[in-house]
């Protein structure tokens, strides 16, 4: 029963997908991080359906790219973007760790948060447009596999985010990240999250192989792995040096940066022929 409760908490906390409410008891929160990547898989599945529908209805490319940009934010309820904006405000203060932590808790919105959001959405929309443009020139059954490619990013970023909760020190004794870290069965959570990552890498390898043989397999799997590891390394250094540990807001910031970097990588690989030419 506690596994079901952890599943429900993961979806009710990190998405707007309606699920029955579970009691937030210690035993119910032990495996929430194990189910966190599943939220990404569901978001990827919804985007797959949206991309298929846009293709079937011949919706203009720009509108499809806008939907690809907006849907992850809408489905997640903006919880991770909220953390990204709060983090940008805190980092722009150039204060000490305590000052930055106070800014994270401040419900007011600063100018740097708004500027950072605008820049982020512009970059995300640009990457999404390049991705959709490539798809519009594809033919054959593989096109339908490519609809699901962003799902790899949505799952991997959440697996890494979950790992940070059970591996990195918390900046505060209270808060969302600290609460999940305190109640998690860390050995189990680490193992399950590692399985999620291994599964994504295997799927990326097979999809890349289908597109462009060994070169495509290495480009997609190693590219996604390297991008996520680099952002994960940056996240660890940033949170340790500037905040003294992680918080829920910092984890949300990491996830959003990872998402943008991962989608930009996919667009770049497709655009430059790293995964082969048009199908």
C-alpha atoms as a PDB file:
ATOM      1  CA  UNK A   1       0.000   0.000   0.000  1.00  0.00           C
ATOM      2  CA  UNK A   2       2.864   2.402   0.750  1.00  0.00           C
ATOM      3  CA  UNK A   3       4.090   2.001  -2.849  1.00  0.00           C
ATOM      4  CA  UNK A   4       0.695   3.108  -4.119  1.00  0.00           C
ATOM      5  CA  UNK A   5       0.778   6.062  -1.720  1.00  0.00           C
ATOM      6  CA  UNK A   6       4.255   7.050  -2.927  1.00  0.00           C
ATOM      7  CA  UNK A   7       3.018   6.847  -6.519  1.00  0.00           C
ATOM      8  CA  UNK A   8       0.019   9.064  -5.747  1.00  0.00           C
ATOM      9  CA  UNK A   9       2.127  11.609  -3.869  1.00  0.00           C
ATOM     10  CA  UNK A  10       4.599  11.818  -6.759  1.00  0.00           C
ATOM     11  CA  UNK A  11       1.850  12.606  -9.252  1.00  0.00           C
ATOM     12  CA  UNK A  12      -0.135  14.934  -6.991  1.00  0.00           C
ATOM     13  CA  UNK A  13       2.989  16.867  -6.025  1.00  0.00           C
ATOM     14  CA  UNK A  14       4.755  17.092  -9.366  1.00  0.00           C
ATOM     15  CA  UNK A  15       1.896  17.264 -11.849  1.00  0.00           C
ATOM     16  CA  UNK A  16      -1.637  18.503 -12.361  1.00  0.00           C
ATOM     17  CA  UNK A  17      -2.753  15.029 -13.418  1.00  0.00           C
ATOM     18  CA  UNK A  18      -5.757  14.183 -11.194  1.00  0.00           C
ATOM     19  CA  UNK A  19      -5.096  11.274  -8.839  1.00  0.00           C
ATOM     20  CA  UNK A  20      -6.663  10.200  -5.529  1.00  0.00           C
ATOM     21  CA  UNK A  21      -5.157  11.947  -2.527  1.00  0.00           C
ATOM     22  CA  UNK A  22      -2.823   9.993  -0.235  1.00  0.00           C
ATOM     23  CA  UNK A  23      -1.894  10.676   3.365  1.00  0.00           C
ATOM     24  CA  UNK A  24       1.535  12.260   3.651  1.00  0.00           C
ATOM     25  CA  UNK A  25       2.817   9.879   6.310  1.00  0.00           C
ATOM     26  CA  UNK A  26       6.470   8.905   6.622  1.00  0.00           C
ATOM     27  CA  UNK A  27       5.886   5.427   5.171  1.00  0.00           C
ATOM     28  CA  UNK A  28       3.923   6.914   2.252  1.00  0.00           C
ATOM     29  CA  UNK A  29       6.829   9.185   1.287  1.00  0.00           C
ATOM     30  CA  UNK A  30       9.583   6.568   1.315  1.00  0.00           C
ATOM     31  CA  UNK A  31       9.513   5.806  -2.414  1.00  0.00           C
ATOM     32  CA  UNK A  32       8.215   9.043  -3.944  1.00  0.00           C
ATOM     33  CA  UNK A  33      11.493   9.625  -5.800  1.00  0.00           C
ATOM     34  CA  UNK A  34      11.206   6.161  -7.385  1.00  0.00           C
ATOM     35  CA  UNK A  35       8.010   7.271  -9.141  1.00  0.00           C
ATOM     36  CA  UNK A  36       9.173  10.789  -9.995  1.00  0.00           C
ATOM     37  CA  UNK A  37      10.595   9.748 -13.428  1.00  0.00           C
ATOM     38  CA  UNK A  38       7.254   8.121 -14.230  1.00  0.00           C
ATOM     39  CA  UNK A  39       5.728  11.610 -14.164  1.00  0.00           C
ATOM     40  CA  UNK A  40       8.177  12.514 -16.943  1.00  0.00           C
ATOM     41  CA  UNK A  41       7.212   9.414 -18.901  1.00  0.00           C
ATOM     42  CA  UNK A  42       3.541  10.394 -18.730  1.00  0.00           C
ATOM     43  CA  UNK A  43       4.337  13.949 -19.828  1.00  0.00           C
ATOM     44  CA  UNK A  44       6.316  12.502 -22.734  1.00  0.00           C
ATOM     45  CA  UNK A  45       3.374  10.292 -23.629  1.00  0.00           C
ATOM     46  CA  UNK A  46       0.987  13.236 -23.639  1.00  0.00           C
ATOM     47  CA  UNK A  47       3.371  15.183 -25.866  1.00  0.00           C
ATOM     48  CA  UNK A  48       3.567  12.170 -28.177  1.00  0.00           C
ATOM     49  CA  UNK A  49      -0.204  12.263 -28.545  1.00  0.00           C
ATOM     50  CA  UNK A  50      -0.164  16.023 -29.096  1.00  0.00           C
ATOM     51  CA  UNK A  51       2.533  15.726 -31.784  1.00  0.00           C
ATOM     52  CA  UNK A  52       0.605  12.971 -33.539  1.00  0.00           C
ATOM     53  CA  UNK A  53      -2.592  15.029 -33.428  1.00  0.00           C
ATOM     54  CA  UNK A  54      -0.800  18.123 -34.751  1.00  0.00           C
ATOM     55  CA  UNK A  55       0.613  16.044 -37.605  1.00  0.00           C
ATOM     56  CA  UNK A  56      -2.734  14.440 -38.376  1.00  0.00           C
ATOM     57  CA  UNK A  57      -4.555  17.795 -38.350  1.00  0.00           C
ATOM     58  CA  UNK A  58      -1.785  19.556 -40.293  1.00  0.00           C
ATOM     59  CA  UNK A  59      -1.397  22.211 -37.599  1.00  0.00           C
ATOM     60  CA  UNK A  60       1.198  24.886 -38.518  1.00  0.00           C
ATOM     61  CA  UNK A  61       4.727  24.198 -37.306  1.00  0.00           C
ATOM     62  CA  UNK A  62       4.935  27.320 -35.159  1.00  0.00           C
ATOM     63  CA  UNK A  63       1.765  26.407 -33.286  1.00  0.00           C
ATOM     64  CA  UNK A  64       3.032  22.865 -32.726  1.00  0.00           C
ATOM     65  CA  UNK A  65       6.291  24.251 -31.316  1.00  0.00           C
ATOM     66  CA  UNK A  66       4.345  26.536 -28.997  1.00  0.00           C
ATOM     67  CA  UNK A  67       2.330  23.561 -27.745  1.00  0.00           C
ATOM     68  CA  UNK A  68       5.547  21.582 -27.160  1.00  0.00           C
ATOM     69  CA  UNK A  69       6.789  24.507 -25.073  1.00  0.00           C
ATOM     70  CA  UNK A  70       3.606  25.070 -23.089  1.00  0.00           C
ATOM     71  CA  UNK A  71       2.382  21.532 -22.375  1.00  0.00           C
ATOM     72  CA  UNK A  72       5.211  20.427 -20.019  1.00  0.00           C
ATOM     73  CA  UNK A  73       4.688  23.580 -17.959  1.00  0.00           C
ATOM     74  CA  UNK A  74       0.945  23.113 -17.859  1.00  0.00           C
ATOM     75  CA  UNK A  75       1.063  19.406 -16.962  1.00  0.00           C
ATOM     76  CA  UNK A  76       3.672  19.920 -14.234  1.00  0.00           C
ATOM     77  CA  UNK A  77       1.699  22.834 -12.809  1.00  0.00           C
ATOM     78  CA  UNK A  78       4.763  25.066 -13.129  1.00  0.00           C
ATOM     79  CA  UNK A  79       6.264  23.766  -9.884  1.00  0.00           C
ATOM     80  CA  UNK A  80       9.739  23.358 -11.377  1.00  0.00           C
ATOM     81  CA  UNK A  81       9.610  26.670 -13.233  1.00  0.00           C
ATOM     82  CA  UNK A  82       8.701  28.348  -9.957  1.00  0.00           C
ATOM     83  CA  UNK A  83      11.938  26.956  -8.513  1.00  0.00           C
ATOM     84  CA  UNK A  84      13.896  28.127 -11.545  1.00  0.00           C
ATOM     85  CA  UNK A  85      12.570  31.678 -11.214  1.00  0.00           C
ATOM     86  CA  UNK A  86      13.168  31.813  -7.455  1.00  0.00           C
ATOM     87  CA  UNK A  87      16.712  30.528  -7.943  1.00  0.00           C
ATOM     88  CA  UNK A  88      17.481  33.153 -10.582  1.00  0.00           C
ATOM     89  CA  UNK A  89      16.226  35.874  -8.258  1.00  0.00           C
ATOM     90  CA  UNK A  90      18.362  34.553  -5.398  1.00  0.00           C
ATOM     91  CA  UNK A  91      21.518  34.209  -7.490  1.00  0.00           C
ATOM     92  CA  UNK A  92      21.087  37.730  -8.854  1.00  0.00           C
ATOM     93  CA  UNK A  93      21.233  39.141  -5.316  1.00  0.00           C
ATOM     94  CA  UNK A  94      24.946  38.306  -4.956  1.00  0.00           C
ATOM     95  CA  UNK A  95      24.324  37.903  -1.234  1.00  0.00           C
ATOM     96  CA  UNK A  96      25.637  35.222   1.088  1.00  0.00           C
ATOM     97  CA  UNK A  97      24.043  31.776   1.397  1.00  0.00           C
ATOM     98  CA  UNK A  98      21.630  32.860   4.120  1.00  0.00           C
ATOM     99  CA  UNK A  99      20.468  35.860   2.101  1.00  0.00           C
ATOM    100  CA  UNK A 100      19.882  33.688  -0.957  1.00  0.00           C
ATOM    101  CA  UNK A 101      17.905  31.144   1.064  1.00  0.00           C
ATOM    102  CA  UNK A 102      15.713  33.953   2.376  1.00  0.00           C
ATOM    103  CA  UNK A 103      15.036  35.115  -1.188  1.00  0.00           C
ATOM    104  CA  UNK A 104      14.026  31.572  -2.159  1.00  0.00           C
ATOM    105  CA  UNK A 105      11.350  31.704   0.540  1.00  0.00           C
ATOM    106  CA  UNK A 106      10.136  35.173  -0.449  1.00  0.00           C
ATOM    107  CA  UNK A 107       6.748  34.863  -2.250  1.00  0.00           C
ATOM    108  CA  UNK A 108       7.329  38.110  -4.151  1.00  0.00           C
ATOM    109  CA  UNK A 109       8.553  38.010  -7.748  1.00  0.00           C
ATOM    110  CA  UNK A 110      11.697  39.904  -8.689  1.00  0.00           C
ATOM    111  CA  UNK A 111      12.714  41.442 -12.010  1.00  0.00           C
ATOM    112  CA  UNK A 112      15.457  38.869 -12.602  1.00  0.00           C
ATOM    113  CA  UNK A 113      12.924  36.044 -12.318  1.00  0.00           C
ATOM    114  CA  UNK A 114      10.756  37.604 -15.026  1.00  0.00           C
ATOM    115  CA  UNK A 115      13.736  38.276 -17.295  1.00  0.00           C
ATOM    116  CA  UNK A 116      15.046  34.737 -16.811  1.00  0.00           C
ATOM    117  CA  UNK A 117      11.632  33.254 -17.590  1.00  0.00           C
ATOM    118  CA  UNK A 118      11.328  35.273 -20.810  1.00  0.00           C
ATOM    119  CA  UNK A 119      14.802  34.244 -21.991  1.00  0.00           C
ATOM    120  CA  UNK A 120      14.149  30.610 -21.071  1.00  0.00           C
ATOM    121  CA  UNK A 121      10.872  30.408 -22.986  1.00  0.00           C
ATOM    122  CA  UNK A 122      12.392  32.055 -26.053  1.00  0.00           C
ATOM    123  CA  UNK A 123      15.244  29.540 -26.109  1.00  0.00           C
ATOM    124  CA  UNK A 124      12.883  26.633 -25.452  1.00  0.00           C
ATOM    125  CA  UNK A 125      10.532  27.746 -28.215  1.00  0.00           C
ATOM    126  CA  UNK A 126      13.464  28.049 -30.626  1.00  0.00           C
ATOM    127  CA  UNK A 127      14.650  24.507 -29.845  1.00  0.00           C
ATOM    128  CA  UNK A 128      11.099  23.162 -30.101  1.00  0.00           C
ATOM    129  CA  UNK A 129      10.625  24.859 -33.467  1.00  0.00           C
ATOM    130  CA  UNK A 130      13.794  23.251 -34.854  1.00  0.00           C
ATOM    131  CA  UNK A 131      12.649  19.862 -33.581  1.00  0.00           C
ATOM    132  CA  UNK A 132       9.191  20.204 -35.120  1.00  0.00           C
ATOM    133  CA  UNK A 133      10.693  21.476 -38.366  1.00  0.00           C
ATOM    134  CA  UNK A 134      12.783  18.322 -38.669  1.00  0.00           C
ATOM    135  CA  UNK A 135       9.776  16.132 -37.989  1.00  0.00           C
ATOM    136  CA  UNK A 136       7.772  17.909 -40.689  1.00  0.00           C
ATOM    137  CA  UNK A 137      10.314  16.740 -43.260  1.00  0.00           C
ATOM    138  CA  UNK A 138      10.356  13.108 -42.152  1.00  0.00           C
ATOM    139  CA  UNK A 139       8.493  10.276 -43.781  1.00  0.00           C
ATOM    140  CA  UNK A 140       7.826   6.702 -42.812  1.00  0.00           C
ATOM    141  CA  UNK A 141       7.170   4.839 -39.587  1.00  0.00           C
ATOM    142  CA  UNK A 142      10.252   6.187 -37.804  1.00  0.00           C
ATOM    143  CA  UNK A 143       8.579   9.579 -37.709  1.00  0.00           C
ATOM    144  CA  UNK A 144       6.184   8.243 -35.101  1.00  0.00           C
ATOM    145  CA  UNK A 145       9.100   7.039 -32.969  1.00  0.00           C
ATOM    146  CA  UNK A 146      10.609  10.519 -33.053  1.00  0.00           C
ATOM    147  CA  UNK A 147       7.462  11.970 -31.497  1.00  0.00           C
ATOM    148  CA  UNK A 148       8.471  10.250 -28.280  1.00  0.00           C
ATOM    149  CA  UNK A 149      12.122  11.330 -28.236  1.00  0.00           C
ATOM    150  CA  UNK A 150      11.599  14.242 -25.790  1.00  0.00           C
ATOM    151  CA  UNK A 151      10.227  11.724 -23.290  1.00  0.00           C
ATOM    152  CA  UNK A 152      13.806  10.522 -22.758  1.00  0.00           C
ATOM    153  CA  UNK A 153      14.734  13.994 -21.523  1.00  0.00           C
ATOM    154  CA  UNK A 154      11.655  14.286 -19.277  1.00  0.00           C
ATOM    155  CA  UNK A 155      12.440  10.949 -17.609  1.00  0.00           C
ATOM    156  CA  UNK A 156      16.220  11.383 -17.288  1.00  0.00           C
ATOM    157  CA  UNK A 157      16.044  14.863 -15.789  1.00  0.00           C
ATOM    158  CA  UNK A 158      13.631  13.630 -13.106  1.00  0.00           C
ATOM    159  CA  UNK A 159      15.801  10.605 -12.348  1.00  0.00           C
ATOM    160  CA  UNK A 160      18.810  12.876 -11.828  1.00  0.00           C
ATOM    161  CA  UNK A 161      16.714  15.304  -9.784  1.00  0.00           C
ATOM    162  CA  UNK A 162      15.564  12.428  -7.586  1.00  0.00           C
ATOM    163  CA  UNK A 163      19.159  11.292  -7.164  1.00  0.00           C
ATOM    164  CA  UNK A 164      20.139  14.757  -5.976  1.00  0.00           C
ATOM    165  CA  UNK A 165      17.514  14.553  -3.223  1.00  0.00           C
ATOM    166  CA  UNK A 166      18.935  11.289  -1.868  1.00  0.00           C
ATOM    167  CA  UNK A 167      22.630  12.099  -2.521  1.00  0.00           C
ATOM    168  CA  UNK A 168      23.217  15.825  -1.961  1.00  0.00           C
ATOM    169  CA  UNK A 169      23.084  17.570   1.428  1.00  0.00           C
ATOM    170  CA  UNK A 170      20.058  19.743   2.116  1.00  0.00           C
ATOM    171  CA  UNK A 171      20.504  23.460   2.705  1.00  0.00           C
ATOM    172  CA  UNK A 172      17.664  23.525   5.252  1.00  0.00           C
ATOM    173  CA  UNK A 173      16.216  21.185   7.834  1.00  0.00           C
ATOM    174  CA  UNK A 174      12.706  21.922   6.615  1.00  0.00           C
ATOM    175  CA  UNK A 175      11.247  22.242   3.133  1.00  0.00           C
ATOM    176  CA  UNK A 176      10.181  19.851   0.402  1.00  0.00           C
ATOM    177  CA  UNK A 177      13.582  18.462  -0.608  1.00  0.00           C
ATOM    178  CA  UNK A 178      14.659  18.001   2.998  1.00  0.00           C
ATOM    179  CA  UNK A 179      11.389  16.245   3.824  1.00  0.00           C
ATOM    180  CA  UNK A 180      11.703  13.775   0.960  1.00  0.00           C
ATOM    181  CA  UNK A 181      15.396  13.209   1.742  1.00  0.00           C
ATOM    182  CA  UNK A 182      14.611  12.513   5.376  1.00  0.00           C
ATOM    183  CA  UNK A 183      11.860   9.978   4.675  1.00  0.00           C
ATOM    184  CA  UNK A 184      13.370   8.261   1.606  1.00  0.00           C
ATOM    185  CA  UNK A 185      14.672   4.703   1.711  1.00  0.00           C
ATOM    186  CA  UNK A 186      17.820   5.964   0.060  1.00  0.00           C
ATOM    187  CA  UNK A 187      19.400   2.696  -0.991  1.00  0.00           C
ATOM    188  CA  UNK A 188      16.241   1.551  -2.762  1.00  0.00           C
ATOM    189  CA  UNK A 189      15.583   4.965  -4.264  1.00  0.00           C
ATOM    190  CA  UNK A 190      19.119   5.194  -5.664  1.00  0.00           C
ATOM    191  CA  UNK A 191      18.852   1.749  -7.223  1.00  0.00           C
ATOM    192  CA  UNK A 192      15.468   2.408  -8.843  1.00  0.00           C
ATOM    193  CA  UNK A 193      16.553   5.805 -10.180  1.00  0.00           C
ATOM    194  CA  UNK A 194      19.686   4.202 -11.630  1.00  0.00           C
ATOM    195  CA  UNK A 195      17.474   1.659 -13.406  1.00  0.00           C
ATOM    196  CA  UNK A 196      15.419   4.520 -14.876  1.00  0.00           C
ATOM    197  CA  UNK A 197      18.594   6.114 -16.218  1.00  0.00           C
ATOM    198  CA  UNK A 198      19.903   2.830 -17.634  1.00  0.00           C
ATOM    199  CA  UNK A 199      16.568   2.201 -19.355  1.00  0.00           C
ATOM    200  CA  UNK A 200      16.609   5.661 -20.956  1.00  0.00           C
ATOM    201  CA  UNK A 201      20.180   5.184 -22.173  1.00  0.00           C
ATOM    202  CA  UNK A 202      19.289   1.803 -23.668  1.00  0.00           C
ATOM    203  CA  UNK A 203      16.243   3.231 -25.473  1.00  0.00           C
ATOM    204  CA  UNK A 204      18.307   6.177 -26.732  1.00  0.00           C
ATOM    205  CA  UNK A 205      20.941   3.766 -28.060  1.00  0.00           C
ATOM    206  CA  UNK A 206      18.354   1.658 -29.890  1.00  0.00           C
ATOM    207  CA  UNK A 207      16.560   4.690 -31.323  1.00  0.00           C
ATOM    208  CA  UNK A 208      19.835   6.235 -32.468  1.00  0.00           C
ATOM    209  CA  UNK A 209      20.852   2.929 -34.049  1.00  0.00           C
ATOM    210  CA  UNK A 210      17.547   2.792 -35.909  1.00  0.00           C
ATOM    211  CA  UNK A 211      18.161   6.267 -37.285  1.00  0.00           C
ATOM    212  CA  UNK A 212      21.853   6.226 -38.164  1.00  0.00           C
ATOM    213  CA  UNK A 213      23.519   2.993 -37.112  1.00  0.00           C
ATOM    214  CA  UNK A 214      26.325   2.979 -34.531  1.00  0.00           C
ATOM    215  CA  UNK A 215      27.107   6.675 -35.085  1.00  0.00           C
ATOM    216  CA  UNK A 216      23.519   7.638 -34.326  1.00  0.00           C
ATOM    217  CA  UNK A 217      23.339   5.311 -31.328  1.00  0.00           C
ATOM    218  CA  UNK A 218      26.472   6.813 -29.769  1.00  0.00           C
ATOM    219  CA  UNK A 219      25.467  10.383 -30.605  1.00  0.00           C
ATOM    220  CA  UNK A 220      22.047  10.113 -28.999  1.00  0.00           C
ATOM    221  CA  UNK A 221      22.818   7.978 -25.939  1.00  0.00           C
ATOM    222  CA  UNK A 222      26.199   9.511 -25.076  1.00  0.00           C
ATOM    223  CA  UNK A 223      24.979  13.006 -25.943  1.00  0.00           C
ATOM    224  CA  UNK A 224      21.988  12.797 -23.621  1.00  0.00           C
ATOM    225  CA  UNK A 225      24.076  11.215 -20.881  1.00  0.00           C
ATOM    226  CA  UNK A 226      26.819  13.830 -21.133  1.00  0.00           C
ATOM    227  CA  UNK A 227      24.411  16.793 -21.172  1.00  0.00           C
ATOM    228  CA  UNK A 228      22.576  15.564 -18.094  1.00  0.00           C
ATOM    229  CA  UNK A 229      25.819  14.814 -16.242  1.00  0.00           C
ATOM    230  CA  UNK A 230      27.238  18.253 -17.019  1.00  0.00           C
ATOM    231  CA  UNK A 231      24.111  20.022 -15.774  1.00  0.00           C
ATOM    232  CA  UNK A 232      24.077  17.704 -12.733  1.00  0.00           C
ATOM    233  CA  UNK A 233      27.692  18.667 -11.976  1.00  0.00           C
ATOM    234  CA  UNK A 234      26.856  22.363 -12.346  1.00  0.00           C
ATOM    235  CA  UNK A 235      23.839  21.923 -10.078  1.00  0.00           C
ATOM    236  CA  UNK A 236      25.943  20.276  -7.361  1.00  0.00           C
ATOM    237  CA  UNK A 237      28.597  23.000  -7.448  1.00  0.00           C
ATOM    238  CA  UNK A 238      26.084  25.825  -7.612  1.00  0.00           C
ATOM    239  CA  UNK A 239      23.932  24.518  -4.760  1.00  0.00           C
ATOM    240  CA  UNK A 240      26.943  23.753  -2.540  1.00  0.00           C
ATOM    241  CA  UNK A 241      28.875  26.959  -3.174  1.00  0.00           C
ATOM    242  CA  UNK A 242      26.008  29.450  -3.222  1.00  0.00           C
ATOM    243  CA  UNK A 243      23.340  27.910  -0.975  1.00  0.00           C
ATOM    244  CA  UNK A 244      25.117  25.368   1.231  1.00  0.00           C
ATOM    245  CA  UNK A 245      23.056  22.487  -0.127  1.00  0.00           C
ATOM    246  CA  UNK A 246      19.945  21.783  -2.181  1.00  0.00           C
ATOM    247  CA  UNK A 247      16.350  22.873  -1.722  1.00  0.00           C
ATOM    248  CA  UNK A 248      13.176  22.084  -3.622  1.00  0.00           C
ATOM    249  CA  UNK A 249      13.567  25.322  -5.583  1.00  0.00           C
ATOM    250  CA  UNK A 250      17.120  24.440  -6.625  1.00  0.00           C
ATOM    251  CA  UNK A 251      15.994  20.967  -7.694  1.00  0.00           C
ATOM    252  CA  UNK A 252      13.303  22.606  -9.819  1.00  0.00           C
ATOM    253  CA  UNK A 253      15.864  24.948 -11.358  1.00  0.00           C
ATOM    254  CA  UNK A 254      18.088  21.993 -12.221  1.00  0.00           C
ATOM    255  CA  UNK A 255      15.205  20.178 -13.871  1.00  0.00           C
ATOM    256  CA  UNK A 256      14.270  23.143 -16.049  1.00  0.00           C
ATOM    257  CA  UNK A 257      17.872  23.761 -17.139  1.00  0.00           C
ATOM    258  CA  UNK A 258      18.232  20.061 -17.926  1.00  0.00           C
ATOM    259  CA  UNK A 259      15.044  20.101 -19.972  1.00  0.00           C
ATOM    260  CA  UNK A 260      16.167  23.053 -22.078  1.00  0.00           C
ATOM    261  CA  UNK A 261      19.647  21.595 -22.587  1.00  0.00           C
ATOM    262  CA  UNK A 262      18.274  18.173 -23.494  1.00  0.00           C
ATOM    263  CA  UNK A 263      15.765  19.483 -26.013  1.00  0.00           C
ATOM    264  CA  UNK A 264      18.413  21.778 -27.526  1.00  0.00           C
ATOM    265  CA  UNK A 265      20.700  18.745 -27.923  1.00  0.00           C
ATOM    266  CA  UNK A 266      17.975  16.783 -29.724  1.00  0.00           C
ATOM    267  CA  UNK A 267      17.306  19.698 -32.054  1.00  0.00           C
ATOM    268  CA  UNK A 268      21.027  20.135 -32.739  1.00  0.00           C
ATOM    269  CA  UNK A 269      21.573  16.435 -33.471  1.00  0.00           C
ATOM    270  CA  UNK A 270      18.656  16.373 -35.874  1.00  0.00           C
ATOM    271  CA  UNK A 271      19.552  19.666 -37.509  1.00  0.00           C
ATOM    272  CA  UNK A 272      23.230  18.806 -38.078  1.00  0.00           C
ATOM    273  CA  UNK A 273      22.602  15.261 -39.306  1.00  0.00           C
ATOM    274  CA  UNK A 274      24.079  13.656 -36.198  1.00  0.00           C
ATOM    275  CA  UNK A 275      21.194  11.190 -36.290  1.00  0.00           C
ATOM    276  CA  UNK A 276      21.169  10.802 -40.047  1.00  0.00           C
ATOM    277  CA  UNK A 277      19.429  12.699 -42.801  1.00  0.00           C
ATOM    278  CA  UNK A 278      15.716  13.057 -43.398  1.00  0.00           C
ATOM    279  CA  UNK A 279      13.823   9.806 -43.409  1.00  0.00           C
END
